[in-house]
PDB file of N, CA and C in Angstrom:
ATOM      1  N   MET A   1       0.700  -1.064   0.012  1.00  0.00           N
ATOM      2  CA  MET A   1       0.024  -0.171  -0.091  1.00  0.00           C
ATOM      3  C   MET A   1       0.712   1.304  -0.079  1.00  0.00           C
ATOM      4  N   GLN A   2       1.868   1.294   0.610  1.00  0.00           N
ATOM      5  CA  GLN A   2       2.707   2.410   0.781  1.00  0.00           C
ATOM      6  C   GLN A   2       3.576   2.487  -0.287  1.00  0.00           C
ATOM      7  N   ARG A   3       3.999   1.489  -1.001  1.00  0.00           N
ATOM      8  CA  ARG A   3       4.983   1.706  -2.088  1.00  0.00           C
ATOM      9  C   ARG A   3       4.287   2.355  -3.286  1.00  0.00           C
ATOM     10  N   TRP A   4       2.877   1.994  -3.258  1.00  0.00           N
ATOM     11  CA  TRP A   4       2.078   2.557  -4.459  1.00  0.00           C
ATOM     12  C   TRP A   4       1.388   3.880  -3.815  1.00  0.00           C
ATOM     13  N   GLY A   5       1.417   4.095  -2.820  1.00  0.00           N
ATOM     14  CA  GLY A   5       0.735   5.360  -2.455  1.00  0.00           C
ATOM     15  C   GLY A   5      -0.854   5.076  -2.137  1.00  0.00           C
ATOM     16  N   VAL A   6      -1.342   3.864  -2.031  1.00  0.00           N
ATOM     17  CA  VAL A   6      -2.688   3.667  -2.059  1.00  0.00           C
ATOM     18  C   VAL A   6      -3.348   3.908  -0.630  1.00  0.00           C
ATOM     19  N   ARG A   7      -4.288   4.666  -0.427  1.00  0.00           N
ATOM     20  CA  ARG A   7      -4.870   5.139   0.729  1.00  0.00           C
ATOM     21  C   ARG A   7      -5.598   4.239   1.260  1.00  0.00           C
ATOM     22  N   VAL A   8      -5.707   3.760   2.673  1.00  0.00           N
ATOM     23  CA  VAL A   8      -6.557   2.898   2.977  1.00  0.00           C
ATOM     24  C   VAL A   8      -7.881   3.334   3.478  1.00  0.00           C
ATOM     25  N   HIS A   9      -8.927   2.556   3.743  1.00  0.00           N
ATOM     26  CA  HIS A   9     -10.028   3.125   4.291  1.00  0.00           C
ATOM     27  C   HIS A   9     -10.130   3.660   5.468  1.00  0.00           C
ATOM     28  N   PRO A  10     -10.797   4.837   5.524  1.00  0.00           N
ATOM     29  CA  PRO A  10     -10.495   5.822   6.564  1.00  0.00           C
ATOM     30  C   PRO A  10     -10.774   5.161   8.100  1.00  0.00           C
ATOM     31  N   ALA A  11     -11.587   4.041   8.136  1.00  0.00           N
ATOM     32  CA  ALA A  11     -11.679   3.399   9.601  1.00  0.00           C
ATOM     33  C   ALA A  11     -10.315   2.493   9.923  1.00  0.00           C
ATOM     34  N   TYR A  12      -9.431   2.262   8.988  1.00  0.00           N
ATOM     35  CA  TYR A  12      -8.204   1.875   9.515  1.00  0.00           C
ATOM     36  C   TYR A  12      -7.292   3.063  10.350  1.00  0.00           C
ATOM     37  N   TYR A  13      -7.448   4.272   9.850  1.00  0.00           N
ATOM     38  CA  TYR A  13      -6.922   5.015  10.540  1.00  0.00           C
ATOM     39  C   TYR A  13      -7.541   5.556  11.776  1.00  0.00           C
ATOM     40  N   LEU A  14      -8.546   5.170  12.034  1.00  0.00           N
ATOM     41  CA  LEU A  14      -9.206   5.280  13.429  1.00  0.00           C
ATOM     42  C   LEU A  14      -9.007   4.288  14.567  1.00  0.00           C
ATOM     43  N   GLY A  15      -8.457   3.005  13.762  1.00  0.00           N
ATOM     44  CA  GLY A  15      -8.122   1.998  14.835  1.00  0.00           C
ATOM     45  C   GLY A  15      -8.647   0.658  14.583  1.00  0.00           C
ATOM     46  N   TRP A  16      -9.712   0.767  13.654  1.00  0.00           N
ATOM     47  CA  TRP A  16     -10.058  -0.585  13.168  1.00  0.00           C
ATOM     48  C   TRP A  16      -8.895  -1.345  12.545  1.00  0.00           C
ATOM     49  N   GLY A  17      -8.983  -2.630  12.813  1.00  0.00           N
ATOM     50  CA  GLY A  17      -7.926  -3.755  12.346  1.00  0.00           C
ATOM     51  C   GLY A  17      -8.386  -4.405  11.197  1.00  0.00           C
ATOM     52  N   ARG A  18      -9.716  -4.555  11.378  1.00  0.00           N
ATOM     53  CA  ARG A  18     -10.471  -5.430  10.361  1.00  0.00           C
ATOM     54  C   ARG A  18     -11.861  -4.516   9.890  1.00  0.00           C
ATOM     55  N   LEU A  19     -11.956  -4.758   8.767  1.00  0.00           N
ATOM     56  CA  LEU A  19     -13.455  -4.323   8.214  1.00  0.00           C
ATOM     57  C   LEU A  19     -14.309  -4.976   7.342  1.00  0.00           C
ATOM     58  N   SER A  20     -15.530  -4.929   7.653  1.00  0.00           N
ATOM     59  CA  SER A  20     -16.684  -5.355   6.815  1.00  0.00           C
ATOM     60  C   SER A  20     -17.787  -4.224   6.961  1.00  0.00           C
ATOM     61  N   CYS A  21     -18.813  -4.628   7.472  1.00  0.00           N
ATOM     62  CA  CYS A  21     -19.712  -3.585   7.641  1.00  0.00           C
ATOM     63  C   CYS A  21     -19.443  -2.765   8.986  1.00  0.00           C
ATOM     64  N   GLN A  22     -19.956  -1.726   9.300  1.00  0.00           N
ATOM     65  CA  GLN A  22     -19.555  -1.189  10.522  1.00  0.00           C
ATOM     66  C   GLN A  22     -20.097  -1.727  11.912  1.00  0.00           C
ATOM     67  N   PHE A  23     -21.164  -2.138  11.757  1.00  0.00           N
ATOM     68  CA  PHE A  23     -21.562  -3.205  12.921  1.00  0.00           C
ATOM     69  C   PHE A  23     -21.737  -4.576  12.652  1.00  0.00           C
ATOM     70  N   CYS A  24     -20.609  -4.965  12.129  1.00  0.00           N
ATOM     71  CA  CYS A  24     -20.435  -6.352  12.042  1.00  0.00           C
ATOM     72  C   CYS A  24     -20.854  -7.226  13.257  1.00  0.00           C
ATOM     73  N   ILE A  25     -21.453  -8.413  13.179  1.00  0.00           N
ATOM     74  CA  ILE A  25     -21.491  -9.284  14.407  1.00  0.00           C
ATOM     75  C   ILE A  25     -20.524  -9.563  14.856  1.00  0.00           C
ATOM     76  N   PHE A  26     -19.508  -9.788  14.210  1.00  0.00           N
ATOM     77  CA  PHE A  26     -18.124 -10.508  14.721  1.00  0.00           C
ATOM     78  C   PHE A  26     -17.228  -9.216  15.214  1.00  0.00           C
ATOM     79  N   GLY A  27     -17.666  -8.133  15.391  1.00  0.00           N
ATOM     80  CA  GLY A  27     -16.797  -6.809  16.050  1.00  0.00           C
ATOM     81  C   GLY A  27     -16.517  -7.384  17.373  1.00  0.00           C
ATOM     82  N   SER A  28     -15.134  -6.749  17.560  1.00  0.00           N
ATOM     83  CA  SER A  28     -14.793  -6.815  19.014  1.00  0.00           C
ATOM     84  C   SER A  28     -15.467  -5.919  20.055  1.00  0.00           C
ATOM     85  N   LEU A  29     -15.202  -5.991  21.197  1.00  0.00           N
ATOM     86  CA  LEU A  29     -15.601  -4.831  22.046  1.00  0.00           C
ATOM     87  C   LEU A  29     -15.315  -3.645  21.848  1.00  0.00           C
ATOM     88  N   ASN A  30     -14.057  -3.427  21.669  1.00  0.00           N
ATOM     89  CA  ASN A  30     -13.586  -2.073  21.428  1.00  0.00           C
ATOM     90  C   ASN A  30     -14.241  -1.707  20.109  1.00  0.00           C
ATOM     91  N   GLN A  31     -14.621  -2.484  19.298  1.00  0.00           N
ATOM     92  CA  GLN A  31     -15.268  -1.807  18.044  1.00  0.00           C
ATOM     93  C   GLN A  31     -16.771  -1.401  18.462  1.00  0.00           C
ATOM     94  N   TRP A  32     -17.391  -2.221  19.129  1.00  0.00           N
ATOM     95  CA  TRP A  32     -18.343  -1.804  19.552  1.00  0.00           C
ATOM     96  C   TRP A  32     -18.618  -0.593  20.424  1.00  0.00           C
ATOM     97  N   ALA A  33     -17.550  -0.291  21.319  1.00  0.00           N
ATOM     98  CA  ALA A  33     -17.486   1.123  22.322  1.00  0.00           C
ATOM     99  C   ALA A  33     -17.186   2.216  21.259  1.00  0.00           C
ATOM    100  N   SER A  34     -16.483   1.767  20.032  1.00  0.00           N
ATOM    101  CA  SER A  34     -16.137   2.663  19.311  1.00  0.00           C
ATOM    102  C   SER A  34     -17.192   3.459  18.444  1.00  0.00           C
ATOM    103  N   ASN A  35     -17.947   2.238  17.838  1.00  0.00           N
ATOM    104  CA  ASN A  35     -19.151   2.619  17.300  1.00  0.00           C
ATOM    105  C   ASN A  35     -20.093   3.302  18.163  1.00  0.00           C
ATOM    106  N   ALA A  36     -20.305   2.919  19.242  1.00  0.00           N
ATOM    107  CA  ALA A  36     -21.351   3.898  20.230  1.00  0.00           C
ATOM    108  C   ALA A  36     -20.794   5.132  20.468  1.00  0.00           C
ATOM    109  N   ALA A  37     -19.387   5.294  20.158  1.00  0.00           N
ATOM    110  CA  ALA A  37     -18.813   6.753  20.437  1.00  0.00           C
ATOM    111  C   ALA A  37     -19.043   7.542  19.092  1.00  0.00           C
ATOM    112  N   ILE A  38     -19.007   6.951  17.862  1.00  0.00           N
ATOM    113  CA  ILE A  38     -18.971   7.729  16.845  1.00  0.00           C
ATOM    114  C   ILE A  38     -20.556   7.698  16.028  1.00  0.00           C
ATOM    115  N   SER A  39     -21.310   6.770  16.452  1.00  0.00           N
ATOM    116  CA  SER A  39     -22.629   6.718  15.828  1.00  0.00           C
ATOM    117  C   SER A  39     -23.607   6.256  16.879  1.00  0.00           C
ATOM    118  N   PRO A  40     -23.812   7.138  17.873  1.00  0.00           N
ATOM    119  CA  PRO A  40     -24.733   6.837  19.095  1.00  0.00           C
ATOM    120  C   PRO A  40     -26.168   6.271  18.544  1.00  0.00           C
ATOM    121  N   GLU A  41     -26.607   7.190  17.721  1.00  0.00           N
ATOM    122  CA  GLU A  41     -28.020   6.739  17.110  1.00  0.00           C
ATOM    123  C   GLU A  41     -28.192   5.481  16.537  1.00  0.00           C
ATOM    124  N   ARG A  42     -27.323   5.237  15.490  1.00  0.00           N
ATOM    125  CA  ARG A  42     -27.447   3.935  14.781  1.00  0.00           C
ATOM    126  C   ARG A  42     -27.005   2.818  15.755  1.00  0.00           C
ATOM    127  N   THR A  43     -26.428   2.998  16.987  1.00  0.00           N
ATOM    128  CA  THR A  43     -25.990   1.855  17.795  1.00  0.00           C
ATOM    129  C   THR A  43     -27.355   1.718  18.717  1.00  0.00           C
ATOM    130  N   GLU A  44     -27.919   2.794  19.311  1.00  0.00           N
ATOM    131  CA  GLU A  44     -29.136   2.728  19.890  1.00  0.00           C
ATOM    132  C   GLU A  44     -30.481   2.153  19.020  1.00  0.00           C
ATOM    133  N   ARG A  45     -30.456   2.469  17.874  1.00  0.00           N
ATOM    134  CA  ARG A  45     -31.300   1.688  16.964  1.00  0.00           C
ATOM    135  C   ARG A  45     -31.141   0.364  16.913  1.00  0.00           C
ATOM    136  N   LEU A  46     -30.025  -0.378  16.898  1.00  0.00           N
ATOM    137  CA  LEU A  46     -29.671  -1.521  16.757  1.00  0.00           C
ATOM    138  C   LEU A  46     -29.996  -2.384  18.059  1.00  0.00           C
ATOM    139  N   HIS A  47     -29.756  -1.640  19.348  1.00  0.00           N
ATOM    140  CA  HIS A  47     -30.279  -1.914  20.503  1.00  0.00           C
ATOM    141  C   HIS A  47     -31.980  -2.340  20.569  1.00  0.00           C
ATOM    142  N   GLN A  48     -32.627  -1.277  20.127  1.00  0.00           N
ATOM    143  CA  GLN A  48     -33.970  -1.377  20.009  1.00  0.00           C
ATOM    144  C   GLN A  48     -34.539  -2.566  19.269  1.00  0.00           C
ATOM    145  N   TYR A  49     -33.868  -2.922  18.060  1.00  0.00           N
ATOM    146  CA  TYR A  49     -34.058  -4.170  17.637  1.00  0.00           C
ATOM    147  C   TYR A  49     -33.857  -5.307  18.432  1.00  0.00           C
ATOM    148  N   GLU A  50     -32.873  -5.233  19.031  1.00  0.00           N
ATOM    149  CA  GLU A  50     -32.481  -6.589  19.888  1.00  0.00           C
ATOM    150  C   GLU A  50     -33.645  -6.462  20.895  1.00  0.00           C
ATOM    151  N   GLN A  51     -34.135  -5.463  21.570  1.00  0.00           N
ATOM    152  CA  GLN A  51     -35.448  -5.429  22.487  1.00  0.00           C
ATOM    153  C   GLN A  51     -36.413  -5.761  21.630  1.00  0.00           C
ATOM    154  N   GLU A  52     -36.752  -5.580  20.615  1.00  0.00           N
ATOM    155  CA  GLU A  52     -38.147  -5.700  19.722  1.00  0.00           C
ATOM    156  C   GLU A  52     -37.924  -7.202  19.474  1.00  0.00           C
ATOM    157  N   PHE A  53     -37.066  -7.680  18.973  1.00  0.00           N
ATOM    158  CA  PHE A  53     -36.865  -9.189  18.762  1.00  0.00           C
ATOM    159  C   PHE A  53     -36.738 -10.038  19.697  1.00  0.00           C
ATOM    160  N   GLN A  54     -36.305  -9.466  20.987  1.00  0.00           N
ATOM    161  CA  GLN A  54     -35.889 -10.399  22.322  1.00  0.00           C
ATOM    162  C   GLN A  54     -34.787 -11.229  22.135  1.00  0.00           C
ATOM    163  N   TYR A  55     -33.823 -10.652  21.142  1.00  0.00           N
ATOM    164  CA  TYR A  55     -32.526 -11.353  20.933  1.00  0.00           C
ATOM    165  C   TYR A  55     -31.515 -10.520  20.728  1.00  0.00           C
ATOM    166  N   THR A  56     -30.341 -10.898  21.396  1.00  0.00           N
ATOM    167  CA  THR A  56     -29.141 -10.167  21.367  1.00  0.00           C
ATOM    168  C   THR A  56     -28.271 -10.379  20.329  1.00  0.00           C
ATOM    169  N   LEU A  57     -27.770  -9.401  19.501  1.00  0.00           N
ATOM    170  CA  LEU A  57     -26.518  -9.837  18.249  1.00  0.00           C
ATOM    171  C   LEU A  57     -25.553 -10.816  18.836  1.00  0.00           C
ATOM    172  N   ASP A  58     -25.188 -10.681  20.084  1.00  0.00           N
ATOM    173  CA  ASP A  58     -24.203 -11.614  20.585  1.00  0.00           C
ATOM    174  C   ASP A  58     -25.087 -12.489  21.571  1.00  0.00           C
ATOM    175  N   ASN A  59     -24.402 -13.860  21.703  1.00  0.00           N
ATOM    176  CA  ASN A  59     -25.230 -14.900  22.236  1.00  0.00           C
ATOM    177  C   ASN A  59     -25.355 -14.651  23.958  1.00  0.00           C
ATOM    178  N   LYS A  60     -24.340 -13.845  24.344  1.00  0.00           N
ATOM    179  CA  LYS A  60     -24.266 -13.361  25.916  1.00  0.00           C
ATOM    180  C   LYS A  60     -24.587 -12.128  26.293  1.00  0.00           C
ATOM    181  N   LEU A  61     -24.280 -11.072  25.412  1.00  0.00           N
ATOM    182  CA  LEU A  61     -24.205  -9.750  25.670  1.00  0.00           C
ATOM    183  C   LEU A  61     -24.829  -8.661  24.769  1.00  0.00           C
ATOM    184  N   SER A  62     -25.643  -7.680  25.210  1.00  0.00           N
ATOM    185  CA  SER A  62     -26.514  -6.778  24.331  1.00  0.00           C
ATOM    186  C   SER A  62     -25.513  -5.948  23.939  1.00  0.00           C
ATOM    187  N   ILE A  63     -25.806  -5.187  22.900  1.00  0.00           N
ATOM    188  CA  ILE A  63     -24.890  -3.967  22.287  1.00  0.00           C
ATOM    189  C   ILE A  63     -24.424  -3.126  23.168  1.00  0.00           C
ATOM    190  N   PRO A  64     -25.507  -2.452  24.218  1.00  0.00           N
ATOM    191  CA  PRO A  64     -24.649  -1.693  25.256  1.00  0.00           C
ATOM    192  C   PRO A  64     -23.779  -2.396  26.088  1.00  0.00           C
ATOM    193  N   GLU A  65     -24.072  -3.711  26.333  1.00  0.00           N
ATOM    194  CA  GLU A  65     -22.998  -4.208  27.123  1.00  0.00           C
ATOM    195  C   GLU A  65     -21.853  -4.551  26.594  1.00  0.00           C
ATOM    196  N   MET A  66     -21.836  -4.680  25.256  1.00  0.00           N
ATOM    197  CA  MET A  66     -20.495  -5.015  24.455  1.00  0.00           C
ATOM    198  C   MET A  66     -19.652  -3.920  24.545  1.00  0.00           C
ATOM    199  N   ALA A  67     -20.498  -2.444  24.246  1.00  0.00           N
ATOM    200  CA  ALA A  67     -19.879  -1.225  24.128  1.00  0.00           C
ATOM    201  C   ALA A  67     -19.420  -0.838  25.477  1.00  0.00           C
ATOM    202  N   ALA A  68     -19.893  -1.168  26.480  1.00  0.00           N
ATOM    203  CA  ALA A  68     -19.357  -0.659  27.875  1.00  0.00           C
ATOM    204  C   ALA A  68     -18.199  -1.585  28.281  1.00  0.00           C
ATOM    205  N   ARG A  69     -18.037  -2.654  27.739  1.00  0.00           N
ATOM    206  CA  ARG A  69     -16.779  -3.672  28.070  1.00  0.00           C
ATOM    207  C   ARG A  69     -15.537  -3.144  27.264  1.00  0.00           C
ATOM    208  N   GLY A  70     -15.930  -2.479  26.321  1.00  0.00           N
ATOM    209  CA  GLY A  70     -14.743  -2.057  25.309  1.00  0.00           C
ATOM    210  C   GLY A  70     -14.178  -0.831  25.427  1.00  0.00           C
ATOM    211  N   ILE A  71     -13.102  -0.612  24.859  1.00  0.00           N
ATOM    212  CA  ILE A  71     -12.431   0.936  25.018  1.00  0.00           C
ATOM    213  C   ILE A  71     -12.470   1.579  23.717  1.00  0.00           C
ATOM    214  N   VAL A  72     -12.729   2.734  23.665  1.00  0.00           N
ATOM    215  CA  VAL A  72     -13.061   3.475  22.429  1.00  0.00           C
ATOM    216  C   VAL A  72     -11.635   3.924  21.841  1.00  0.00           C
ATOM    217  N   TYR A  73     -11.460   3.748  20.563  1.00  0.00           N
ATOM    218  CA  TYR A  73     -10.080   3.695  19.883  1.00  0.00           C
ATOM    219  C   TYR A  73      -9.638   5.161  20.084  1.00  0.00           C
ATOM    220  N   GLY A  74      -8.532   5.389  20.619  1.00  0.00           N
ATOM    221  CA  GLY A  74      -7.909   6.697  20.796  1.00  0.00           C
ATOM    222  C   GLY A  74      -7.862   7.690  19.570  1.00  0.00           C
ATOM    223  N   ALA A  75      -7.592   6.785  18.321  1.00  0.00           N
ATOM    224  CA  ALA A  75      -7.357   7.589  17.131  1.00  0.00           C
ATOM    225  C   ALA A  75      -8.464   8.415  16.667  1.00  0.00           C
ATOM    226  N   ILE A  76      -9.832   7.900  17.167  1.00  0.00           N
ATOM    227  CA  ILE A  76     -10.976   8.402  16.607  1.00  0.00           C
ATOM    228  C   ILE A  76     -10.917  10.127  16.999  1.00  0.00           C
ATOM    229  N   HIS A  77     -10.483  10.235  18.272  1.00  0.00           N
ATOM    230  CA  HIS A  77     -10.314  11.853  18.501  1.00  0.00           C
ATOM    231  C   HIS A  77      -9.236  12.571  17.849  1.00  0.00           C
ATOM    232  N   HIS A  78      -8.085  11.745  17.097  1.00  0.00           N
ATOM    233  CA  HIS A  78      -7.171  12.533  16.574  1.00  0.00           C
ATOM    234  C   HIS A  78      -7.225  12.921  15.091  1.00  0.00           C
ATOM    235  N   TYR A  79      -8.285  12.370  14.493  1.00  0.00           N
ATOM    236  CA  TYR A  79      -8.300  12.136  13.011  1.00  0.00           C
ATOM    237  C   TYR A  79      -9.694  12.540  12.693  1.00  0.00           C
ATOM    238  N   PRO A  80     -10.339  13.821  12.954  1.00  0.00           N
ATOM    239  CA  PRO A  80     -11.627  14.001  12.422  1.00  0.00           C
ATOM    240  C   PRO A  80     -11.918  13.792  11.113  1.00  0.00           C
ATOM    241  N   ASP A  81     -11.011  14.347  10.300  1.00  0.00           N
ATOM    242  CA  ASP A  81     -11.214  14.317   8.897  1.00  0.00           C
ATOM    243  C   ASP A  81     -11.533  12.875   8.583  1.00  0.00           C
ATOM    244  N   GLN A  82     -10.832  11.909   8.956  1.00  0.00           N
ATOM    245  CA  GLN A  82     -10.730  10.706   8.539  1.00  0.00           C
ATOM    246  C   GLN A  82     -12.169   9.889   9.273  1.00  0.00           C
ATOM    247  N   LEU A  83     -12.663  10.395  10.356  1.00  0.00           N
ATOM    248  CA  LEU A  83     -14.044  10.095  10.929  1.00  0.00           C
ATOM    249  C   LEU A  83     -15.216  10.650   9.906  1.00  0.00           C
ATOM    250  N   ARG A  84     -14.921  11.875   9.538  1.00  0.00           N
ATOM    251  CA  ARG A  84     -15.980  12.318   8.674  1.00  0.00           C
ATOM    252  C   ARG A  84     -15.904  11.454   7.320  1.00  0.00           C
ATOM    253  N   LEU A  85     -14.927  11.128   6.678  1.00  0.00           N
ATOM    254  CA  LEU A  85     -14.933  10.345   5.490  1.00  0.00           C
ATOM    255  C   LEU A  85     -15.424   8.816   5.859  1.00  0.00           C
ATOM    256  N   ALA A  86     -15.090   8.275   6.803  1.00  0.00           N
ATOM    257  CA  ALA A  86     -15.705   6.895   7.368  1.00  0.00           C
ATOM    258  C   ALA A  86     -17.198   6.824   7.347  1.00  0.00           C
ATOM    259  N   LEU A  87     -17.729   8.039   7.877  1.00  0.00           N
ATOM    260  CA  LEU A  87     -19.251   7.990   8.167  1.00  0.00           C
ATOM    261  C   LEU A  87     -20.006   8.374   7.025  1.00  0.00           C
ATOM    262  N   ASN A  88     -19.163   8.982   5.989  1.00  0.00           N
ATOM    263  CA  ASN A  88     -19.797   9.613   5.057  1.00  0.00           C
ATOM    264  C   ASN A  88     -20.431   8.488   3.878  1.00  0.00           C
ATOM    265  N   ARG A  89     -21.506   8.561   3.087  1.00  0.00           N
ATOM    266  CA  ARG A  89     -21.703   7.609   2.251  1.00  0.00           C
ATOM    267  C   ARG A  89     -20.976   8.004   0.863  1.00  0.00           C
ATOM    268  N   GLU A  90     -20.340   8.916   0.838  1.00  0.00           N
ATOM    269  CA  GLU A  90     -19.558   9.363  -0.504  1.00  0.00           C
ATOM    270  C   GLU A  90     -18.045   9.238  -0.209  1.00  0.00           C
ATOM    271  N   TYR A  91     -17.186   8.874  -0.970  1.00  0.00           N
ATOM    272  CA  TYR A  91     -15.812   8.956  -0.447  1.00  0.00           C
ATOM    273  C   TYR A  91     -15.369  10.008  -1.424  1.00  0.00           C
ATOM    274  N   THR A  92     -14.839  11.017  -0.763  1.00  0.00           N
ATOM    275  CA  THR A  92     -14.387  12.078  -1.565  1.00  0.00           C
ATOM    276  C   THR A  92     -12.920  12.343  -1.533  1.00  0.00           C
ATOM    277  N   ALA A  93     -11.924  11.661  -0.698  1.00  0.00           N
ATOM    278  CA  ALA A  93     -10.898  11.866  -0.837  1.00  0.00           C
ATOM    279  C   ALA A  93     -10.014  10.979  -1.783  1.00  0.00           C
ATOM    280  N   PRO A  94      -8.851  11.552  -2.329  1.00  0.00           N
ATOM    281  CA  PRO A  94      -8.090  10.799  -3.433  1.00  0.00           C
ATOM    282  C   PRO A  94      -7.736   9.379  -2.804  1.00  0.00           C
ATOM    283  N   ILE A  95      -7.766   8.500  -3.846  1.00  0.00           N
ATOM    284  CA  ILE A  95      -7.484   7.225  -3.215  1.00  0.00           C
ATOM    285  C   ILE A  95      -5.882   7.009  -3.272  1.00  0.00           C
ATOM    286  N   LEU A  96      -5.210   7.742  -4.310  1.00  0.00           N
ATOM    287  CA  LEU A  96      -3.744   7.679  -4.397  1.00  0.00           C
ATOM    288  C   LEU A  96      -3.006   8.714  -3.886  1.00  0.00           C
ATOM    289  N   VAL A  97      -2.023   8.473  -2.828  1.00  0.00           N
ATOM    290  CA  VAL A  97      -1.195   9.739  -2.337  1.00  0.00           C
ATOM    291  C   VAL A  97       0.004   9.390  -2.640  1.00  0.00           C
ATOM    292  N   ASP A  98       0.989  10.588  -2.281  1.00  0.00           N
ATOM    293  CA  ASP A  98       2.185  10.393  -2.561  1.00  0.00           C
ATOM    294  C   ASP A  98       3.031   9.549  -1.619  1.00  0.00           C
ATOM    295  N   PRO A  99       3.711   8.279  -1.998  1.00  0.00           N
ATOM    296  CA  PRO A  99       4.068   7.337  -1.041  1.00  0.00           C
ATOM    297  C   PRO A  99       5.094   7.791  -0.167  1.00  0.00           C
ATOM    298  N   ASP A 100       5.624   9.049  -0.389  1.00  0.00           N
ATOM    299  CA  ASP A 100       6.384   9.739   0.702  1.00  0.00           C
ATOM    300  C   ASP A 100       5.612  10.173   1.922  1.00  0.00           C
ATOM    301  N   THR A 101       4.333  10.536   1.646  1.00  0.00           N
ATOM    302  CA  THR A 101       3.437  11.123   2.707  1.00  0.00           C
ATOM    303  C   THR A 101       2.491  10.062   3.431  1.00  0.00           C
ATOM    304  N   TRP A 102       2.557   8.968   2.715  1.00  0.00           N
ATOM    305  CA  TRP A 102       1.504   7.854   3.327  1.00  0.00           C
ATOM    306  C   TRP A 102       2.052   7.402   4.639  1.00  0.00           C
ATOM    307  N   THR A 103       0.992   7.075   5.561  1.00  0.00           N
ATOM    308  CA  THR A 103       1.151   6.919   6.954  1.00  0.00           C
ATOM    309  C   THR A 103       0.447   5.478   7.341  1.00  0.00           C
ATOM    310  N   LEU A 104       1.315   4.831   8.165  1.00  0.00           N
ATOM    311  CA  LEU A 104       0.585   3.637   8.691  1.00  0.00           C
ATOM    312  C   LEU A 104      -0.528   4.030   9.489  1.00  0.00           C
ATOM    313  N   PRO A 105      -1.873   3.214   9.270  1.00  0.00           N
ATOM    314  CA  PRO A 105      -2.843   3.538   9.938  1.00  0.00           C
ATOM    315  C   PRO A 105      -2.791   2.932  11.494  1.00  0.00           C
ATOM    316  N   ALA A 106      -3.559   3.545  12.341  1.00  0.00           N
ATOM    317  CA  ALA A 106      -3.642   3.248  13.590  1.00  0.00           C
ATOM    318  C   ALA A 106      -4.014   1.635  13.890  1.00  0.00           C
ATOM    319  N   GLY A 107      -5.009   1.435  13.112  1.00  0.00           N
ATOM    320  CA  GLY A 107      -5.326  -0.027  13.069  1.00  0.00           C
ATOM    321  C   GLY A 107      -4.573  -1.122  12.716  1.00  0.00           C
ATOM    322  N   ALA A 108      -3.507  -0.804  11.937  1.00  0.00           N
ATOM    323  CA  ALA A 108      -2.501  -1.764  11.393  1.00  0.00           C
ATOM    324  C   ALA A 108      -2.090  -2.619  12.368  1.00  0.00           C
ATOM    325  N   PHE A 109      -1.876  -3.860  12.156  1.00  0.00           N
ATOM    326  CA  PHE A 109      -1.461  -4.956  13.109  1.00  0.00           C
ATOM    327  C   PHE A 109      -2.285  -4.693  14.459  1.00  0.00           C
ATOM    328  N   GLY A 110      -3.410  -4.259  14.621  1.00  0.00           N
ATOM    329  CA  GLY A 110      -3.994  -4.112  15.684  1.00  0.00           C
ATOM    330  C   GLY A 110      -4.799  -5.329  16.135  1.00  0.00           C
ATOM    331  N   GLU A 111      -5.832  -5.197  16.941  1.00  0.00           N
ATOM    332  CA  GLU A 111      -6.454  -6.390  17.310  1.00  0.00           C
ATOM    333  C   GLU A 111      -7.222  -7.067  16.069  1.00  0.00           C
ATOM    334  N   ASP A 112      -7.266  -8.386  16.338  1.00  0.00           N
ATOM    335  CA  ASP A 112      -8.193  -9.131  15.378  1.00  0.00           C
ATOM    336  C   ASP A 112      -9.556  -9.014  15.593  1.00  0.00           C
ATOM    337  N   ALA A 113     -10.464  -9.090  14.696  1.00  0.00           N
ATOM    338  CA  ALA A 113     -11.876  -9.635  15.142  1.00  0.00           C
ATOM    339  C   ALA A 113     -12.491 -10.008  13.924  1.00  0.00           C
ATOM    340  N   GLY A 114     -13.199 -11.027  14.340  1.00  0.00           N
ATOM    341  CA  GLY A 114     -13.811 -11.589  13.154  1.00  0.00           C
ATOM    342  C   GLY A 114     -14.357 -13.020  13.523  1.00  0.00           C
ATOM    343  N   PRO A 115     -14.855 -13.809  12.869  1.00  0.00           N
ATOM    344  CA  PRO A 115     -15.313 -15.298  13.224  1.00  0.00           C
ATOM    345  C   PRO A 115     -14.148 -15.935  13.689  1.00  0.00           C
ATOM    346  N   THR A 116     -14.163 -16.952  14.679  1.00  0.00           N
ATOM    347  CA  THR A 116     -12.976 -17.795  15.175  1.00  0.00           C
ATOM    348  C   THR A 116     -13.462 -19.138  15.020  1.00  0.00           C
TER     349      THR A 116
END
């Protein structure tokens, strides 16, 4: 990525080490805490579905419980431009950047999250 100056998805700069959908059922506790911090309305809407259907997304914890047990990624507070890009439905930043200015995202080599 660096060699060719390919900018990675903004969520990697915010601390995510793995991406699929924002509210992936395989997300880590830290991802749920971070989602609750950056998208509280959407997080609450998902929790309302848990209550309506009387099933939690996780087989042991509700969405608020998962979020409460996680730690919000610190990079979220340091990269407001990346946060805006990550939450926007339209990606407006250049995909290719000067390889000499390319930076390693906060989520690189971070926690794994996904099916086990």
